[in-house]
Amino acid sequence: MLSSTPRAVHPGAWWLWAIGLAVAVSQTTNPLVLLLAAAVVTFVVMARRANTPWARAFTLYAVLGGFIIVLRVLLHILVGLKWGEIVLVPLPEIELPGWAAGINLLGDLRLEGLLAALFEGMRLAAMILCVGAANALADPKRLLAALPGALQEIGTAIVVAISVAPQLAESVRRVHRARLLRGDSARGLRSIRRVAMPVLEDTLERSMALAASMDSRGYGRRGETSPARHQLTGLLTLGGLLGMAVGSYGLLDATSPDWMGLPLLLVGVVLGALGLASGSAAVSRTTYRPSPWRTPETVTAMCGLLAAVAALASAHWEPRALTMPLSPLGAPPLPWALTLGLLIALLPAALTPPPPVTRERDRVRRTTTTEGSHS
């Protein structure tokens, strides 16, 4: 049953929701759809993120997305293929030596090509925003505890890697507070040199401390297994990966035989699941306060899955609505299936329990410790 009692939602549910949205936005360059997807992701994050370091990292992903859009447009202006009929800015064209044939610097800036570069950058930025939403909503430590035992080694490395952005956001906040306590109010470019090194040093120290604490608790370690069991697990996993790779290729290639598509993909999924089960059986571990998977988690994961299915359905039923009409230039259409899928993706903002509120005593204690360490 859906409950309004504050608790942390299973991190796997948030990742499945975000992956579904990332798959959905990867199918389109329609600016209306991309803006709608960004609004949906931002609304859900604002409604369900907790007061934690990884939640504050969402702003960094938003800034990174904006930087990618600007960079994509600049690359188009400098070395992109200029096409279209409407000339915005006439620029001189610089030909490069023969070893760089086919690449010209600058050239007349045309509206159609510039818009195409802008929308491609928006698509990549929206995908990065989806990943940032998963990082902001899912506790990386709980995610590691929820992974199957066979994925502990790679899971440990991934959790340490994805915790860098949240640690960076927390380090910026800590260093900024320490500077204010010392009376250093420099802003702008002058403050970058004073902040950059302390932030990087603090981020690395916290990430290394996380890795050391995980290693001391036995993460990434395996028990003794027989050689036969180890070989069986490897064969099942390798067979599953090959089956999923060849099956995916068969689905994308219309000229491949029927058995190479969906049947081989399903066989690969089954073999991969058996490999994970065999590898997990060799790992003995206990989990303190395991994350429950209840109705809100199922609803959240299904909302992301429905958004991805809606995008694939739109690609089949209304493919022209997924792209911006540039030749000739026209108003972007609104794909009804994908729009409905993105609106469904809003439901976790209301159908999931609110995040637990951090106790004021713990917050004050952490703040006091932080200020003391930087004073």
Protein backbone atom coordinates (compact mmCIF):
# COMPACT_ATOMS: atom_id res chain seq x y z
CA MET A 1 0.00 0.00 0.00
CA LEU A 2 1.05 3.60 -0.64
CA SER A 3 2.10 5.27 2.57
CA SER A 4 2.80 8.86 3.57
CA THR A 5 5.15 7.80 6.37
CA PRO A 6 8.60 9.28 5.67
CA ARG A 7 11.12 6.66 4.58
CA ALA A 8 13.86 6.25 1.99
CA VAL A 9 12.70 4.75 -1.31
CA HIS A 10 14.73 1.80 -2.59
CA PRO A 11 17.62 3.26 -4.64
CA GLY A 12 17.13 0.67 -7.38
CA ALA A 13 13.64 2.05 -8.04
CA TRP A 14 14.97 5.55 -8.58
CA TRP A 15 17.69 4.27 -10.93
CA LEU A 16 15.18 2.26 -12.97
CA TRP A 17 12.94 5.34 -13.17
CA ALA A 18 15.84 7.54 -14.30
CA ILE A 19 17.13 4.99 -16.83
CA GLY A 20 13.65 4.75 -18.35
CA LEU A 21 13.51 8.53 -18.73
CA ALA A 22 17.03 8.59 -20.21
CA VAL A 23 15.98 5.99 -22.79
CA ALA A 24 12.90 8.07 -23.59
CA VAL A 25 14.78 11.33 -24.21
CA SER A 26 17.47 9.53 -26.22
CA GLN A 27 14.86 8.83 -28.91
CA THR A 28 14.01 12.45 -29.69
CA THR A 29 15.44 15.84 -30.57
CA ASN A 30 12.07 17.58 -30.26
CA PRO A 31 12.75 20.64 -28.06
CA LEU A 32 9.25 20.59 -26.55
CA VAL A 33 9.67 16.99 -25.41
CA LEU A 34 13.19 17.61 -24.09
CA LEU A 35 12.05 20.64 -22.09
CA LEU A 36 9.11 18.65 -20.74
CA ALA A 37 11.43 15.79 -19.71
CA ALA A 38 13.79 18.22 -17.96
CA ALA A 39 10.84 19.79 -16.13
CA VAL A 40 9.55 16.36 -15.04
CA VAL A 41 12.94 15.27 -13.74
CA THR A 42 13.51 18.54 -11.89
CA PHE A 43 10.03 18.52 -10.32
CA VAL A 44 10.39 14.96 -9.01
CA VAL A 45 13.86 15.70 -7.62
CA MET A 46 12.67 18.86 -5.88
CA ALA A 47 9.70 16.97 -4.41
CA ARG A 48 11.50 13.86 -3.19
CA ARG A 49 15.16 14.63 -2.54
CA ALA A 50 16.43 14.59 1.01
CA ASN A 51 18.80 16.96 2.77
CA THR A 52 21.88 14.90 1.92
CA PRO A 53 25.19 15.58 0.12
CA TRP A 54 24.24 13.49 -2.91
CA ALA A 55 20.91 15.34 -3.23
CA ARG A 56 22.71 18.65 -3.58
CA ALA A 57 24.75 17.24 -6.49
CA PHE A 58 21.74 17.65 -8.82
CA THR A 59 22.70 21.30 -9.36
CA LEU A 60 26.11 20.22 -10.62
CA TYR A 61 24.51 17.94 -13.20
CA ALA A 62 22.25 20.78 -14.33
CA VAL A 63 25.26 23.06 -14.77
CA LEU A 64 27.07 20.28 -16.65
CA GLY A 65 24.09 19.90 -18.97
CA GLY A 66 24.08 23.61 -19.72
CA PHE A 67 27.82 23.51 -20.41
CA ILE A 68 27.33 20.63 -22.86
CA ILE A 69 24.69 22.58 -24.77
CA VAL A 70 26.96 25.62 -25.07
CA LEU A 71 29.94 23.45 -26.06
CA ARG A 72 27.93 21.63 -28.74
CA VAL A 73 26.83 24.93 -30.28
CA LEU A 74 30.39 26.33 -30.20
CA LEU A 75 31.77 23.20 -31.88
CA HIS A 76 29.17 23.56 -34.61
CA ILE A 77 30.16 27.18 -35.16
CA LEU A 78 33.86 26.32 -35.32
CA VAL A 79 34.07 23.00 -37.17
CA GLY A 80 30.48 21.83 -37.74
CA LEU A 81 28.88 21.15 -41.09
CA LYS A 82 27.06 24.33 -42.07
CA TRP A 83 23.81 23.53 -43.81
CA GLY A 84 20.48 25.22 -44.36
CA GLU A 85 19.08 28.12 -46.33
CA ILE A 86 18.81 30.93 -43.77
CA VAL A 87 22.20 32.60 -43.19
CA LEU A 88 22.45 34.17 -39.75
CA VAL A 89 26.04 35.42 -39.71
CA PRO A 90 28.36 35.38 -42.73
CA LEU A 91 31.74 34.20 -41.53
CA PRO A 92 34.97 33.55 -43.45
CA GLU A 93 35.79 29.89 -44.11
CA ILE A 94 39.30 28.65 -43.30
CA GLU A 95 40.46 25.54 -45.13
CA LEU A 96 42.75 23.16 -43.25
CA PRO A 97 45.68 21.14 -44.69
CA GLY A 98 45.13 17.96 -46.69
CA TRP A 99 45.50 15.69 -43.66
CA ALA A 100 42.34 17.29 -42.27
CA ALA A 101 40.31 17.02 -45.47
CA GLY A 102 36.59 17.49 -44.99
CA ILE A 103 36.96 19.78 -41.96
CA ASN A 104 36.72 23.54 -42.38
CA LEU A 105 36.90 26.21 -39.71
CA LEU A 106 34.05 28.70 -39.43
CA GLY A 107 31.95 29.35 -42.54
CA ASP A 108 28.53 30.98 -42.93
CA LEU A 109 26.43 30.28 -39.85
CA ARG A 110 23.03 28.95 -40.96
CA LEU A 111 19.91 28.74 -38.83
CA GLU A 112 18.93 25.13 -39.59
CA GLY A 113 22.33 23.67 -38.77
CA LEU A 114 22.62 25.76 -35.62
CA LEU A 115 19.21 24.59 -34.38
CA ALA A 116 20.11 20.96 -35.09
CA ALA A 117 23.29 21.31 -33.01
CA LEU A 118 21.34 23.01 -30.23
CA PHE A 119 18.73 20.26 -30.05
CA GLU A 120 21.36 17.50 -30.08
CA GLY A 121 23.07 19.21 -27.17
CA MET A 122 19.73 19.47 -25.37
CA ARG A 123 19.16 15.73 -25.82
CA LEU A 124 22.53 14.86 -24.25
CA ALA A 125 21.94 17.40 -21.47
CA ALA A 126 18.54 15.85 -20.70
CA MET A 127 20.11 12.39 -20.46
CA ILE A 128 22.75 13.71 -18.06
CA LEU A 129 20.02 15.38 -16.02
CA CYS A 130 18.30 11.98 -15.69
CA VAL A 131 21.53 10.47 -14.34
CA GLY A 132 21.85 13.41 -11.97
CA ALA A 133 18.32 12.79 -10.73
CA ALA A 134 19.18 9.18 -9.93
CA ASN A 135 22.25 10.33 -8.02
CA ALA A 136 20.24 12.94 -6.15
CA LEU A 137 17.41 10.61 -5.12
CA ALA A 138 19.25 7.32 -4.49
CA ASP A 139 21.57 6.79 -1.55
CA PRO A 140 24.74 5.28 -3.11
CA LYS A 141 25.53 3.28 0.04
CA ARG A 142 22.07 1.71 0.11
CA LEU A 143 22.42 1.00 -3.60
CA LEU A 144 25.59 -0.97 -2.95
CA ALA A 145 23.89 -2.95 -0.19
CA ALA A 146 21.02 -3.79 -2.56
CA LEU A 147 23.25 -5.10 -5.37
CA PRO A 148 23.50 -8.87 -5.89
CA GLY A 149 26.49 -10.51 -4.26
CA ALA A 150 28.00 -11.35 -7.66
CA LEU A 151 28.30 -7.62 -8.44
CA GLN A 152 29.98 -6.61 -5.19
CA GLU A 153 33.44 -5.99 -6.71
CA ILE A 154 32.26 -3.85 -9.59
CA GLY A 155 29.54 -2.35 -7.42
CA THR A 156 32.11 -1.11 -4.91
CA ALA A 157 34.06 0.66 -7.66
CA ILE A 158 30.90 2.15 -9.18
CA VAL A 159 29.61 3.46 -5.85
CA VAL A 160 32.93 5.11 -5.05
CA ALA A 161 32.94 6.64 -8.55
CA ILE A 162 29.39 8.01 -8.48
CA SER A 163 29.91 9.39 -5.00
CA VAL A 164 32.53 11.84 -6.32
CA ALA A 165 29.93 14.36 -7.56
CA PRO A 166 27.97 14.36 -4.28
CA GLN A 167 31.20 14.63 -2.32
CA LEU A 168 32.24 17.52 -4.54
CA ALA A 169 29.00 19.38 -3.82
CA GLU A 170 29.41 18.78 -0.09
CA SER A 171 33.06 19.90 -0.21
CA VAL A 172 32.10 23.16 -1.94
CA ARG A 173 29.56 23.82 0.82
CA ARG A 174 32.06 22.99 3.59
CA VAL A 175 34.87 25.10 2.12
CA HIS A 176 32.49 28.02 1.50
CA ARG A 177 31.33 27.91 5.12
CA ALA A 178 34.94 27.79 6.35
CA ARG A 179 35.87 30.80 4.20
CA LEU A 180 32.96 32.81 5.58
CA LEU A 181 34.03 31.98 9.13
CA ARG A 182 37.50 33.34 8.37
CA GLY A 183 36.07 36.55 6.90
CA ASP A 184 37.14 35.71 3.33
CA SER A 185 34.33 37.09 1.16
CA ALA A 186 36.12 37.13 -2.21
CA ARG A 187 33.85 36.26 -5.14
CA GLY A 188 34.14 35.63 -8.85
CA LEU A 189 37.32 34.52 -10.57
CA ARG A 190 39.48 35.69 -7.67
CA SER A 191 37.98 33.09 -5.39
CA ILE A 192 38.53 30.13 -7.73
CA ARG A 193 42.23 29.79 -6.90
CA ARG A 194 41.48 29.88 -3.17
CA VAL A 195 38.62 27.38 -3.38
CA ALA A 196 39.69 24.90 -6.07
CA MET A 197 42.50 23.14 -4.23
CA PRO A 198 40.73 22.85 -0.84
CA VAL A 199 37.62 21.48 -2.58
CA LEU A 200 39.57 18.89 -4.58
CA GLU A 201 41.61 17.87 -1.53
CA ASP A 202 38.53 17.51 0.65
CA THR A 203 36.66 15.55 -2.05
CA LEU A 204 39.52 13.09 -2.51
CA GLU A 205 39.92 12.64 1.24
CA ARG A 206 36.21 11.88 1.70
CA SER A 207 36.11 9.49 -1.28
CA MET A 208 39.19 7.64 0.00
CA ALA A 209 37.65 7.48 3.46
CA LEU A 210 34.52 5.94 1.95
CA ALA A 211 36.60 3.38 0.06
CA ALA A 212 38.60 2.52 3.20
CA SER A 213 35.47 2.13 5.33
CA MET A 214 33.88 -0.12 2.72
CA ASP A 215 37.01 -2.25 2.50
CA SER A 216 37.17 -2.58 6.29
CA ARG A 217 33.59 -3.87 6.29
CA GLY A 218 34.40 -6.54 3.72
CA TYR A 219 32.81 -5.06 0.62
CA GLY A 220 34.17 -6.61 -2.56
CA ARG A 221 35.52 -9.73 -0.85
CA ARG A 222 34.51 -13.26 -1.70
CA GLY A 223 34.49 -16.46 0.23
CA GLU A 224 36.05 -19.70 -0.88
CA THR A 225 34.46 -21.32 -3.95
CA SER A 226 35.30 -24.51 -5.81
CA PRO A 227 36.99 -24.21 -9.22
CA ALA A 228 34.02 -25.94 -10.88
CA ARG A 229 31.57 -23.42 -9.39
CA HIS A 230 33.78 -20.54 -10.45
CA GLN A 231 33.99 -21.84 -14.03
CA LEU A 232 30.24 -22.43 -14.20
CA THR A 233 29.55 -18.89 -13.06
CA GLY A 234 31.96 -17.49 -15.64
CA LEU A 235 30.45 -19.55 -18.47
CA LEU A 236 26.91 -18.55 -17.57
CA THR A 237 27.82 -14.87 -17.33
CA LEU A 238 29.82 -14.89 -20.58
CA GLY A 239 27.05 -16.78 -22.38
CA GLY A 240 24.48 -14.30 -21.10
CA LEU A 241 26.49 -11.30 -22.28
CA LEU A 242 27.07 -12.82 -25.72
CA GLY A 243 23.39 -13.77 -26.04
CA MET A 244 22.21 -10.27 -25.10
CA ALA A 245 24.73 -8.61 -27.45
CA VAL A 246 23.92 -10.81 -30.47
CA GLY A 247 20.19 -10.70 -29.71
CA SER A 248 20.22 -6.91 -29.55
CA TYR A 249 22.04 -6.80 -32.88
CA GLY A 250 19.44 -9.17 -34.35
CA LEU A 251 16.63 -6.88 -33.23
CA LEU A 252 18.29 -3.85 -34.83
CA ASP A 253 19.25 -5.61 -38.09
CA ALA A 254 16.18 -6.31 -40.21
CA THR A 255 18.12 -8.71 -42.48
CA SER A 256 19.16 -11.08 -39.67
CA PRO A 257 17.32 -14.40 -39.19
CA ASP A 258 14.39 -14.54 -36.76
CA TRP A 259 16.17 -16.72 -34.21
CA MET A 260 18.94 -14.12 -33.82
CA GLY A 261 16.61 -11.44 -32.46
CA LEU A 262 14.24 -11.72 -29.54
CA PRO A 263 14.72 -15.49 -28.85
CA LEU A 264 18.50 -15.14 -28.48
CA LEU A 265 18.07 -12.00 -26.39
CA LEU A 266 15.77 -13.84 -23.98
CA VAL A 267 18.24 -16.74 -23.77
CA GLY A 268 20.99 -14.26 -22.93
CA VAL A 269 18.89 -12.65 -20.21
CA VAL A 270 18.14 -16.06 -18.66
CA LEU A 271 21.81 -17.12 -18.76
CA GLY A 272 22.87 -13.80 -17.26
CA ALA A 273 20.35 -14.16 -14.44
CA LEU A 274 21.59 -17.70 -13.73
CA GLY A 275 25.16 -16.41 -13.66
CA LEU A 276 24.25 -13.69 -11.17
CA ALA A 277 22.41 -16.22 -9.00
CA SER A 278 25.38 -18.62 -9.09
CA GLY A 279 27.85 -15.86 -8.25
CA SER A 280 25.68 -14.43 -5.49
CA ALA A 281 25.37 -17.84 -3.83
CA ALA A 282 29.13 -17.84 -3.28
CA VAL A 283 28.99 -14.61 -1.26
CA SER A 284 27.83 -14.73 2.36
CA ARG A 285 26.86 -11.35 3.75
CA THR A 286 24.34 -9.68 5.99
CA THR A 287 22.66 -6.33 5.44
CA TYR A 288 21.90 -3.91 8.25
CA ARG A 289 18.44 -2.40 7.75
CA PRO A 290 17.87 -3.65 4.17
CA SER A 291 15.93 -1.35 1.86
CA PRO A 292 12.40 -2.71 1.38
CA TRP A 293 10.80 -3.04 -2.04
CA ARG A 294 7.12 -2.21 -1.72
CA THR A 295 4.32 -0.75 -3.81
CA PRO A 296 5.88 2.76 -4.16
CA GLU A 297 9.08 1.20 -5.52
CA THR A 298 7.12 -0.83 -8.07
CA VAL A 299 5.13 2.24 -9.11
CA THR A 300 8.32 4.30 -9.52
CA ALA A 301 10.08 1.68 -11.62
CA MET A 302 6.97 1.13 -13.77
CA CYS A 303 6.65 4.88 -14.42
CA GLY A 304 10.17 4.99 -15.84
CA LEU A 305 9.55 1.83 -17.86
CA LEU A 306 6.31 3.24 -19.29
CA ALA A 307 8.14 6.42 -20.36
CA ALA A 308 10.68 4.31 -22.29
CA VAL A 309 7.92 2.17 -23.84
CA ALA A 310 6.04 5.33 -24.84
CA ALA A 311 9.15 6.67 -26.59
CA LEU A 312 9.60 3.42 -28.52
CA ALA A 313 5.90 3.46 -29.43
CA SER A 314 6.17 7.03 -30.68
CA ALA A 315 9.19 6.05 -32.79
CA HIS A 316 7.00 3.39 -34.42
CA TRP A 317 3.69 5.27 -34.74
CA GLU A 318 4.73 8.90 -35.15
CA PRO A 319 8.48 9.07 -35.96
CA ARG A 320 8.24 12.53 -37.50
CA ALA A 321 6.97 13.98 -34.23
CA LEU A 322 10.21 12.99 -32.46
CA THR A 323 12.33 15.39 -34.52
CA MET A 324 12.22 19.10 -35.09
CA PRO A 325 11.23 19.95 -38.69
CA LEU A 326 14.22 21.89 -40.00
CA SER A 327 13.97 21.48 -43.78
CA PRO A 328 11.69 23.30 -44.25
CA LEU A 329 11.69 24.98 -40.86
CA GLY A 330 8.44 24.57 -38.94
CA ALA A 331 6.86 24.36 -35.51
CA PRO A 332 7.74 21.24 -33.52
CA PRO A 333 4.88 18.72 -33.20
CA LEU A 334 4.00 17.12 -29.87
CA PRO A 335 4.07 13.30 -29.85
CA TRP A 336 1.05 12.25 -27.81
CA ALA A 337 2.39 8.85 -26.70
CA LEU A 338 5.74 10.16 -25.45
CA THR A 339 4.09 13.19 -23.83
CA LEU A 340 1.72 10.90 -21.94
CA GLY A 341 4.65 8.71 -20.86
CA LEU A 342 6.54 11.72 -19.49
CA LEU A 343 3.47 12.91 -17.61
CA ILE A 344 3.14 9.44 -16.07
CA ALA A 345 6.77 9.77 -14.96
CA LEU A 346 5.60 12.62 -12.71
CA LEU A 347 3.63 10.25 -10.48
CA PRO A 348 6.54 9.27 -8.16
CA ALA A 349 6.51 12.85 -6.87
CA ALA A 350 3.12 12.13 -5.28
CA LEU A 351 2.94 8.33 -4.96
CA THR A 352 6.22 7.76 -3.10
CA PRO A 353 6.70 8.44 0.62
CA PRO A 354 8.49 11.66 1.51
CA PRO A 355 12.16 11.34 2.44
CA PRO A 356 13.02 11.05 6.12
CA VAL A 357 13.75 14.36 7.78
CA THR A 358 17.26 14.71 9.16
CA ARG A 359 17.16 15.23 12.89
CA GLU A 360 18.18 18.69 13.99
CA ARG A 361 20.55 17.26 16.60
CA ASP A 362 22.47 15.29 13.97
CA ARG A 363 22.56 18.26 11.61
CA VAL A 364 23.99 20.55 14.28
CA ARG A 365 26.55 17.94 15.29
CA ARG A 366 27.73 17.50 11.69
CA THR A 367 27.87 21.26 11.18
CA THR A 368 29.93 21.72 14.34
CA THR A 369 32.33 18.97 13.29
CA THR A 370 32.68 20.50 9.80
CA GLU A 371 33.39 23.98 11.09
CA GLY A 372 35.90 22.65 13.59
CA SER A 373 37.80 20.68 10.97
CA HIS A 374 38.23 23.78 8.76
CA SER A 375 38.94 26.30 11.48
